[in-house]
Amino acid sequence: MNDRKSWLARTFRGRRLDRNPLRRRSDRAESVVAIVSMAVFAIAAPFVVRAAAADAYLQAQQARATAVATRQEVSAVLNRRRMAAWDAE
C-alpha cells in the first residue's frame, strides 16, 4: 500500500503533534481531543459491554421466573377445572 495514496496514512500524518509552524493551534487541540476520546472509548468499552451483558442476564432470569410462575398458575387453574369436572360426574 502506497503511503502517498493511503487515506489512513494521510489521516495519521495530519494528526501529528509536532511543531510544524503551519499547523494551527486548533488543529493541535483537535488532535488531542481525538486521541483522548479514543483512549476513553478503549478504556470504557469493556465495562459497558460487561454491564450490558449483566443486564441481559438479569432480564433473562426475570423472564424465566415469570414463565415458571405463569406455568404454575395455569397448572393450578387447569387442576381446579379438572377437579370440578370430576365432582360434577
PDB file of N, CA and C in Angstrom:
ATOM      1  N   MET A   1       0.849  -1.168   0.000  1.00  0.00           N
ATOM      2  CA  MET A   1       0.000   0.000   0.000  1.00  0.00           C
ATOM      3  C   MET A   1       0.903   1.242   0.000  1.00  0.00           C
ATOM      4  N   ASN A   2       0.643   2.120  -0.911  1.00  0.00           N
ATOM      5  CA  ASN A   2       1.452   3.319  -1.057  1.00  0.00           C
ATOM      6  C   ASN A   2       1.045   4.357  -0.019  1.00  0.00           C
ATOM      7  N   ASP A   3       2.048   4.903   0.717  1.00  0.00           N
ATOM      8  CA  ASP A   3       1.765   5.884   1.767  1.00  0.00           C
ATOM      9  C   ASP A   3       1.123   7.149   1.220  1.00  0.00           C
ATOM     10  N   ARG A   4       1.523   7.538   0.032  1.00  0.00           N
ATOM     11  CA  ARG A   4       1.014   8.784  -0.528  1.00  0.00           C
ATOM     12  C   ARG A   4      -0.462   8.680  -0.901  1.00  0.00           C
ATOM     13  N   LYS A   5      -0.943   7.495  -1.179  1.00  0.00           N
ATOM     14  CA  LYS A   5      -2.317   7.330  -1.618  1.00  0.00           C
ATOM     15  C   LYS A   5      -3.226   6.789  -0.530  1.00  0.00           C
ATOM     16  N   SER A   6      -2.678   6.374   0.569  1.00  0.00           N
ATOM     17  CA  SER A   6      -3.467   5.763   1.631  1.00  0.00           C
ATOM     18  C   SER A   6      -4.181   6.839   2.450  1.00  0.00           C
ATOM     19  N   TRP A   7      -5.484   6.759   2.524  1.00  0.00           N
ATOM     20  CA  TRP A   7      -6.254   7.742   3.296  1.00  0.00           C
ATOM     21  C   TRP A   7      -5.934   7.631   4.786  1.00  0.00           C
ATOM     22  N   LEU A   8      -5.651   6.408   5.232  1.00  0.00           N
ATOM     23  CA  LEU A   8      -5.325   6.220   6.642  1.00  0.00           C
ATOM     24  C   LEU A   8      -3.993   6.896   6.977  1.00  0.00           C
ATOM     25  N   ALA A   9      -3.029   6.748   6.081  1.00  0.00           N
ATOM     26  CA  ALA A   9      -1.730   7.386   6.296  1.00  0.00           C
ATOM     27  C   ALA A   9      -1.869   8.911   6.293  1.00  0.00           C
ATOM     28  N   ARG A  10      -2.692   9.447   5.380  1.00  0.00           N
ATOM     29  CA  ARG A  10      -2.902  10.895   5.350  1.00  0.00           C
ATOM     30  C   ARG A  10      -3.569  11.377   6.629  1.00  0.00           C
ATOM     31  N   THR A  11      -4.511  10.582   7.134  1.00  0.00           N
ATOM     32  CA  THR A  11      -5.209  10.971   8.360  1.00  0.00           C
ATOM     33  C   THR A  11      -4.248  11.031   9.528  1.00  0.00           C
ATOM     34  N   PHE A  12      -3.425   9.995   9.694  1.00  0.00           N
ATOM     35  CA  PHE A  12      -2.484   9.989  10.812  1.00  0.00           C
ATOM     36  C   PHE A  12      -1.394  11.051  10.639  1.00  0.00           C
ATOM     37  N   ARG A  13      -0.988  11.297   9.410  1.00  0.00           N
ATOM     38  CA  ARG A  13       0.026  12.315   9.164  1.00  0.00           C
ATOM     39  C   ARG A  13      -0.512  13.689   9.550  1.00  0.00           C
ATOM     40  N   GLY A  14      -1.803  13.920   9.339  1.00  0.00           N
ATOM     41  CA  GLY A  14      -2.409  15.196   9.689  1.00  0.00           C
ATOM     42  C   GLY A  14      -2.659  15.345  11.178  1.00  0.00           C
ATOM     43  N   ARG A  15      -2.583  14.254  11.924  1.00  0.00           N
ATOM     44  CA  ARG A  15      -2.872  14.285  13.353  1.00  0.00           C
ATOM     45  C   ARG A  15      -1.622  14.329  14.225  1.00  0.00           C
ATOM     46  N   ARG A  16      -0.457  14.510  13.634  1.00  0.00           N
ATOM     47  CA  ARG A  16       0.769  14.521  14.429  1.00  0.00           C
ATOM     48  C   ARG A  16       0.811  15.721  15.353  1.00  0.00           C
ATOM     49  N   LEU A  17       1.361  15.505  16.532  1.00  0.00           N
ATOM     50  CA  LEU A  17       1.546  16.603  17.474  1.00  0.00           C
ATOM     51  C   LEU A  17       2.991  17.097  17.354  1.00  0.00           C
ATOM     52  N   ASP A  18       3.280  17.713  16.241  1.00  0.00           N
ATOM     53  CA  ASP A  18       4.638  18.196  16.007  1.00  0.00           C
ATOM     54  C   ASP A  18       4.669  19.718  16.129  1.00  0.00           C
ATOM     55  N   ARG A  19       5.814  20.268  15.885  1.00  0.00           N
ATOM     56  CA  ARG A  19       5.987  21.723  15.971  1.00  0.00           C
ATOM     57  C   ARG A  19       5.972  22.358  14.579  1.00  0.00           C
ATOM     58  N   ASN A  20       5.154  21.863  13.719  1.00  0.00           N
ATOM     59  CA  ASN A  20       5.040  22.422  12.379  1.00  0.00           C
ATOM     60  C   ASN A  20       4.480  23.835  12.501  1.00  0.00           C
ATOM     61  N   PRO A  21       5.174  24.848  12.006  1.00  0.00           N
ATOM     62  CA  PRO A  21       4.702  26.227  12.161  1.00  0.00           C
ATOM     63  C   PRO A  21       3.418  26.508  11.383  1.00  0.00           C
ATOM     64  N   LEU A  22       3.105  25.658  10.408  1.00  0.00           N
ATOM     65  CA  LEU A  22       1.884  25.864   9.633  1.00  0.00           C
ATOM     66  C   LEU A  22       0.664  25.217  10.278  1.00  0.00           C
ATOM     67  N   ARG A  23       0.895  24.417  11.289  1.00  0.00           N
ATOM     68  CA  ARG A  23      -0.222  23.750  11.950  1.00  0.00           C
ATOM     69  C   ARG A  23      -0.844  24.713  12.967  1.00  0.00           C
ATOM     70  N   ARG A  24      -2.151  24.888  12.851  1.00  0.00           N
ATOM     71  CA  ARG A  24      -2.835  25.830  13.735  1.00  0.00           C
ATOM     72  C   ARG A  24      -3.002  25.233  15.132  1.00  0.00           C
ATOM     73  N   ARG A  25      -3.216  26.119  16.086  1.00  0.00           N
ATOM     74  CA  ARG A  25      -3.445  25.692  17.459  1.00  0.00           C
ATOM     75  C   ARG A  25      -4.726  24.845  17.556  1.00  0.00           C
ATOM     76  N   SER A  26      -5.739  25.212  16.785  1.00  0.00           N
ATOM     77  CA  SER A  26      -6.999  24.453  16.802  1.00  0.00           C
ATOM     78  C   SER A  26      -6.792  23.042  16.245  1.00  0.00           C
ATOM     79  N   ASP A  27      -5.884  22.896  15.273  1.00  0.00           N
ATOM     80  CA  ASP A  27      -5.584  21.563  14.738  1.00  0.00           C
ATOM     81  C   ASP A  27      -4.933  20.681  15.808  1.00  0.00           C
ATOM     82  N   ARG A  28      -4.018  21.283  16.566  1.00  0.00           N
ATOM     83  CA  ARG A  28      -3.372  20.526  17.646  1.00  0.00           C
ATOM     84  C   ARG A  28      -4.391  20.146  18.717  1.00  0.00           C
ATOM     85  N   ALA A  29      -5.262  21.092  19.058  1.00  0.00           N
ATOM     86  CA  ALA A  29      -6.295  20.813  20.059  1.00  0.00           C
ATOM     87  C   ALA A  29      -7.229  19.713  19.570  1.00  0.00           C
ATOM     88  N   GLU A  30      -7.585  19.749  18.300  1.00  0.00           N
ATOM     89  CA  GLU A  30      -8.447  18.713  17.727  1.00  0.00           C
ATOM     90  C   GLU A  30      -7.764  17.346  17.802  1.00  0.00           C
ATOM     91  N   SER A  31      -6.476  17.312  17.539  1.00  0.00           N
ATOM     92  CA  SER A  31      -5.731  16.054  17.626  1.00  0.00           C
ATOM     93  C   SER A  31      -5.725  15.517  19.049  1.00  0.00           C
ATOM     94  N   VAL A  32      -5.514  16.392  20.018  1.00  0.00           N
ATOM     95  CA  VAL A  32      -5.504  15.966  21.422  1.00  0.00           C
ATOM     96  C   VAL A  32      -6.882  15.437  21.822  1.00  0.00           C
ATOM     97  N   VAL A  33      -7.939  16.150  21.431  1.00  0.00           N
ATOM     98  CA  VAL A  33      -9.297  15.715  21.761  1.00  0.00           C
ATOM     99  C   VAL A  33      -9.593  14.361  21.126  1.00  0.00           C
ATOM    100  N   ALA A  34      -9.189  14.161  19.886  1.00  0.00           N
ATOM    101  CA  ALA A  34      -9.423  12.884  19.210  1.00  0.00           C
ATOM    102  C   ALA A  34      -8.676  11.750  19.904  1.00  0.00           C
ATOM    103  N   ILE A  35      -7.437  11.986  20.292  1.00  0.00           N
ATOM    104  CA  ILE A  35      -6.643  10.957  20.967  1.00  0.00           C
ATOM    105  C   ILE A  35      -7.248  10.613  22.322  1.00  0.00           C
ATOM    106  N   VAL A  36      -7.639  11.639  23.081  1.00  0.00           N
ATOM    107  CA  VAL A  36      -8.244  11.402  24.395  1.00  0.00           C
ATOM    108  C   VAL A  36      -9.579  10.666  24.243  1.00  0.00           C
ATOM    109  N   SER A  37     -10.364  11.051  23.252  1.00  0.00           N
ATOM    110  CA  SER A  37     -11.654  10.388  23.023  1.00  0.00           C
ATOM    111  C   SER A  37     -11.466   8.904  22.696  1.00  0.00           C
ATOM    112  N   MET A  38     -10.493   8.611  21.852  1.00  0.00           N
ATOM    113  CA  MET A  38     -10.230   7.205  21.513  1.00  0.00           C
ATOM    114  C   MET A  38      -9.755   6.425  22.735  1.00  0.00           C
ATOM    115  N   ALA A  39      -8.927   7.053  23.551  1.00  0.00           N
ATOM    116  CA  ALA A  39      -8.434   6.375  24.760  1.00  0.00           C
ATOM    117  C   ALA A  39      -9.577   6.110  25.731  1.00  0.00           C
ATOM    118  N   VAL A  40     -10.446   7.095  25.928  1.00  0.00           N
ATOM    119  CA  VAL A  40     -11.589   6.908  26.828  1.00  0.00           C
ATOM    120  C   VAL A  40     -12.497   5.803  26.313  1.00  0.00           C
ATOM    121  N   PHE A  41     -12.749   5.790  25.013  1.00  0.00           N
ATOM    122  CA  PHE A  41     -13.580   4.743  24.436  1.00  0.00           C
ATOM    123  C   PHE A  41     -12.942   3.373  24.629  1.00  0.00           C
ATOM    124  N   ALA A  42     -11.647   3.273  24.379  1.00  0.00           N
ATOM    125  CA  ALA A  42     -10.961   1.984  24.506  1.00  0.00           C
ATOM    126  C   ALA A  42     -10.968   1.487  25.951  1.00  0.00           C
ATOM    127  N   ILE A  43     -10.892   2.408  26.900  1.00  0.00           N
ATOM    128  CA  ILE A  43     -10.898   2.017  28.310  1.00  0.00           C
ATOM    129  C   ILE A  43     -12.314   1.679  28.774  1.00  0.00           C
ATOM    130  N   ALA A  44     -13.307   2.449  28.343  1.00  0.00           N
ATOM    131  CA  ALA A  44     -14.677   2.283  28.831  1.00  0.00           C
ATOM    132  C   ALA A  44     -15.436   1.156  28.137  1.00  0.00           C
ATOM    133  N   ALA A  45     -15.076   0.809  26.920  1.00  0.00           N
ATOM    134  CA  ALA A  45     -15.836  -0.177  26.147  1.00  0.00           C
ATOM    135  C   ALA A  45     -16.002  -1.527  26.864  1.00  0.00           C
ATOM    136  N   PRO A  46     -14.961  -2.115  27.442  1.00  0.00           N
ATOM    137  CA  PRO A  46     -15.160  -3.396  28.118  1.00  0.00           C
ATOM    138  C   PRO A  46     -16.136  -3.317  29.302  1.00  0.00           C
ATOM    139  N   PHE A  47     -16.109  -2.197  30.016  1.00  0.00           N
ATOM    140  CA  PHE A  47     -17.018  -2.045  31.146  1.00  0.00           C
ATOM    141  C   PHE A  47     -18.464  -1.902  30.678  1.00  0.00           C
ATOM    142  N   VAL A  48     -18.667  -1.189  29.594  1.00  0.00           N
ATOM    143  CA  VAL A  48     -20.008  -1.020  29.047  1.00  0.00           C
ATOM    144  C   VAL A  48     -20.547  -2.361  28.546  1.00  0.00           C
ATOM    145  N   VAL A  49     -19.698  -3.124  27.874  1.00  0.00           N
ATOM    146  CA  VAL A  49     -20.124  -4.437  27.372  1.00  0.00           C
ATOM    147  C   VAL A  49     -20.477  -5.354  28.535  1.00  0.00           C
ATOM    148  N   ARG A  50     -19.668  -5.334  29.576  1.00  0.00           N
ATOM    149  CA  ARG A  50     -19.951  -6.189  30.736  1.00  0.00           C
ATOM    150  C   ARG A  50     -21.251  -5.792  31.422  1.00  0.00           C
ATOM    151  N   ALA A  51     -21.492  -4.502  31.550  1.00  0.00           N
ATOM    152  CA  ALA A  51     -22.738  -4.034  32.168  1.00  0.00           C
ATOM    153  C   ALA A  51     -23.946  -4.431  31.319  1.00  0.00           C
ATOM    154  N   ALA A  52     -23.816  -4.329  30.010  1.00  0.00           N
ATOM    155  CA  ALA A  52     -24.923  -4.717  29.128  1.00  0.00           C
ATOM    156  C   ALA A  52     -25.180  -6.220  29.212  1.00  0.00           C
ATOM    157  N   ALA A  53     -24.121  -7.008  29.299  1.00  0.00           N
ATOM    158  CA  ALA A  53     -24.287  -8.459  29.413  1.00  0.00           C
ATOM    159  C   ALA A  53     -24.940  -8.817  30.742  1.00  0.00           C
ATOM    160  N   ALA A  54     -24.552  -8.148  31.811  1.00  0.00           N
ATOM    161  CA  ALA A  54     -25.153  -8.413  33.121  1.00  0.00           C
ATOM    162  C   ALA A  54     -26.634  -8.048  33.103  1.00  0.00           C
ATOM    163  N   ASP A  55     -26.966  -6.940  32.463  1.00  0.00           N
ATOM    164  CA  ASP A  55     -28.359  -6.522  32.371  1.00  0.00           C
ATOM    165  C   ASP A  55     -29.169  -7.535  31.563  1.00  0.00           C
ATOM    166  N   ALA A  56     -28.614  -8.013  30.469  1.00  0.00           N
ATOM    167  CA  ALA A  56     -29.303  -9.017  29.655  1.00  0.00           C
ATOM    168  C   ALA A  56     -29.496 -10.308  30.450  1.00  0.00           C
ATOM    169  N   TYR A  57     -28.504 -10.677  31.235  1.00  0.00           N
ATOM    170  CA  TYR A  57     -28.608 -11.889  32.060  1.00  0.00           C
ATOM    171  C   TYR A  57     -29.723 -11.736  33.092  1.00  0.00           C
ATOM    172  N   LEU A  58     -29.793 -10.568  33.741  1.00  0.00           N
ATOM    173  CA  LEU A  58     -30.843 -10.337  34.734  1.00  0.00           C
ATOM    174  C   LEU A  58     -32.226 -10.345  34.092  1.00  0.00           C
ATOM    175  N   GLN A  59     -32.344  -9.770  32.903  1.00  0.00           N
ATOM    176  CA  GLN A  59     -33.628  -9.779  32.211  1.00  0.00           C
ATOM    177  C   GLN A  59     -34.027 -11.199  31.839  1.00  0.00           C
ATOM    178  N   ALA A  60     -33.072 -12.024  31.425  1.00  0.00           N
ATOM    179  CA  ALA A  60     -33.365 -13.411  31.086  1.00  0.00           C
ATOM    180  C   ALA A  60     -33.815 -14.178  32.330  1.00  0.00           C
ATOM    181  N   GLN A  61     -33.165 -13.919  33.470  1.00  0.00           N
ATOM    182  CA  GLN A  61     -33.565 -14.578  34.715  1.00  0.00           C
ATOM    183  C   GLN A  61     -34.981 -14.178  35.108  1.00  0.00           C
ATOM    184  N   GLN A  62     -35.319 -12.907  34.957  1.00  0.00           N
ATOM    185  CA  GLN A  62     -36.667 -12.443  35.281  1.00  0.00           C
ATOM    186  C   GLN A  62     -37.690 -13.065  34.343  1.00  0.00           C
ATOM    187  N   ALA A  63     -37.336 -13.189  33.067  1.00  0.00           N
ATOM    188  CA  ALA A  63     -38.250 -13.805  32.108  1.00  0.00           C
ATOM    189  C   ALA A  63     -38.483 -15.274  32.460  1.00  0.00           C
ATOM    190  N   ARG A  64     -37.425 -15.977  32.852  1.00  0.00           N
ATOM    191  CA  ARG A  64     -37.588 -17.382  33.252  1.00  0.00           C
ATOM    192  C   ARG A  64     -38.471 -17.495  34.484  1.00  0.00           C
ATOM    193  N   ALA A  65     -38.261 -16.628  35.474  1.00  0.00           N
ATOM    194  CA  ALA A  65     -39.068 -16.661  36.691  1.00  0.00           C
ATOM    195  C   ALA A  65     -40.532 -16.380  36.374  1.00  0.00           C
ATOM    196  N   THR A  66     -40.776 -15.446  35.484  1.00  0.00           N
ATOM    197  CA  THR A  66     -42.148 -15.133  35.083  1.00  0.00           C
ATOM    198  C   THR A  66     -42.775 -16.313  34.358  1.00  0.00           C
ATOM    199  N   ALA A  67     -42.012 -16.967  33.504  1.00  0.00           N
ATOM    200  CA  ALA A  67     -42.533 -18.126  32.776  1.00  0.00           C
ATOM    201  C   ALA A  67     -42.880 -19.263  33.733  1.00  0.00           C
ATOM    202  N   VAL A  68     -42.038 -19.499  34.724  1.00  0.00           N
ATOM    203  CA  VAL A  68     -42.302 -20.560  35.704  1.00  0.00           C
ATOM    204  C   VAL A  68     -43.555 -20.229  36.506  1.00  0.00           C
ATOM    205  N   ALA A  69     -43.669 -18.985  36.950  1.00  0.00           N
ATOM    206  CA  ALA A  69     -44.845 -18.577  37.725  1.00  0.00           C
ATOM    207  C   ALA A  69     -46.108 -18.709  36.887  1.00  0.00           C
ATOM    208  N   THR A  70     -46.057 -18.308  35.633  1.00  0.00           N
ATOM    209  CA  THR A  70     -47.220 -18.414  34.749  1.00  0.00           C
ATOM    210  C   THR A  70     -47.594 -19.872  34.529  1.00  0.00           C
ATOM    211  N   ARG A  71     -46.597 -20.710  34.323  1.00  0.00           N
ATOM    212  CA  ARG A  71     -46.851 -22.139  34.120  1.00  0.00           C
ATOM    213  C   ARG A  71     -47.517 -22.744  35.360  1.00  0.00           C
ATOM    214  N   GLN A  72     -47.087 -22.354  36.547  1.00  0.00           N
ATOM    215  CA  GLN A  72     -47.677 -22.865  37.780  1.00  0.00           C
ATOM    216  C   GLN A  72     -49.112 -22.381  37.940  1.00  0.00           C
ATOM    217  N   GLU A  73     -49.373 -21.118  37.585  1.00  0.00           N
ATOM    218  CA  GLU A  73     -50.731 -20.601  37.680  1.00  0.00           C
ATOM    219  C   GLU A  73     -51.661 -21.320  36.713  1.00  0.00           C
ATOM    220  N   VAL A  74     -51.210 -21.548  35.505  1.00  0.00           N
ATOM    221  CA  VAL A  74     -52.028 -22.259  34.512  1.00  0.00           C
ATOM    222  C   VAL A  74     -52.302 -23.676  34.985  1.00  0.00           C
ATOM    223  N   SER A  75     -51.301 -24.341  35.530  1.00  0.00           N
ATOM    224  CA  SER A  75     -51.492 -25.705  36.034  1.00  0.00           C
ATOM    225  C   SER A  75     -52.511 -25.716  37.174  1.00  0.00           C
ATOM    226  N   ALA A  76     -52.451 -24.738  38.060  1.00  0.00           N
ATOM    227  CA  ALA A  76     -53.393 -24.676  39.181  1.00  0.00           C
ATOM    228  C   ALA A  76     -54.817 -24.483  38.673  1.00  0.00           C
ATOM    229  N   VAL A  77     -55.001 -23.608  37.698  1.00  0.00           N
ATOM    230  CA  VAL A  77     -56.346 -23.378  37.147  1.00  0.00           C
ATOM    231  C   VAL A  77     -56.859 -24.631  36.462  1.00  0.00           C
ATOM    232  N   LEU A  78     -56.018 -25.284  35.693  1.00  0.00           N
ATOM    233  CA  LEU A  78     -56.448 -26.498  34.997  1.00  0.00           C
ATOM    234  C   LEU A  78     -56.792 -27.605  35.983  1.00  0.00           C
ATOM    235  N   ASN A  79     -56.005 -27.725  37.037  1.00  0.00           N
ATOM    236  CA  ASN A  79     -56.313 -28.755  38.053  1.00  0.00           C
ATOM    237  C   ASN A  79     -57.639 -28.463  38.744  1.00  0.00           C
ATOM    238  N   ARG A  80     -57.928 -27.187  39.028  1.00  0.00           N
ATOM    239  CA  ARG A  80     -59.207 -26.845  39.648  1.00  0.00           C
ATOM    240  C   ARG A  80     -60.367 -27.217  38.734  1.00  0.00           C
ATOM    241  N   ARG A  81     -60.220 -26.932  37.450  1.00  0.00           N
ATOM    242  CA  ARG A  81     -61.285 -27.275  36.499  1.00  0.00           C
ATOM    243  C   ARG A  81     -61.446 -28.789  36.399  1.00  0.00           C
ATOM    244  N   ARG A  82     -60.331 -29.497  36.392  1.00  0.00           N
ATOM    245  CA  ARG A  82     -60.385 -30.957  36.314  1.00  0.00           C
ATOM    246  C   ARG A  82     -61.075 -31.538  37.554  1.00  0.00           C
ATOM    247  N   MET A  83     -60.722 -31.009  38.713  1.00  0.00           N
ATOM    248  CA  MET A  83     -61.362 -31.474  39.953  1.00  0.00           C
ATOM    249  C   MET A  83     -62.856 -31.145  39.967  1.00  0.00           C
ATOM    250  N   ALA A  84     -63.218 -29.959  39.458  1.00  0.00           N
ATOM    251  CA  ALA A  84     -64.632 -29.597  39.385  1.00  0.00           C
ATOM    252  C   ALA A  84     -65.372 -30.499  38.428  1.00  0.00           C
ATOM    253  N   ALA A  85     -64.732 -30.873  37.321  1.00  0.00           N
ATOM    254  CA  ALA A  85     -65.374 -31.777  36.373  1.00  0.00           C
ATOM    255  C   ALA A  85     -65.541 -33.150  36.983  1.00  0.00           C
ATOM    256  N   TRP A  86     -64.571 -33.624  37.775  1.00  0.00           N
ATOM    257  CA  TRP A  86     -64.706 -34.927  38.423  1.00  0.00           C
ATOM    258  C   TRP A  86     -65.834 -34.893  39.453  1.00  0.00           C
ATOM    259  N   ASP A  87     -65.950 -33.799  40.187  1.00  0.00           N
ATOM    260  CA  ASP A  87     -67.024 -33.662  41.174  1.00  0.00           C
ATOM    261  C   ASP A  87     -68.377 -33.632  40.503  1.00  0.00           C
ATOM    262  N   ALA A  88     -68.443 -33.010  39.325  1.00  0.00           N
ATOM    263  CA  ALA A  88     -69.721 -32.926  38.601  1.00  0.00           C
ATOM    264  C   ALA A  88     -70.170 -34.299  38.107  1.00  0.00           C
ATOM    265  N   GLU A  89     -69.258 -35.170  37.821  1.00  0.00           N
ATOM    266  CA  GLU A  89     -69.602 -36.516  37.351  1.00  0.00           C
ATOM    267  C   GLU A  89     -70.076 -37.302  38.517  1.00  0.00           C
TER     268      GLU A  89
END
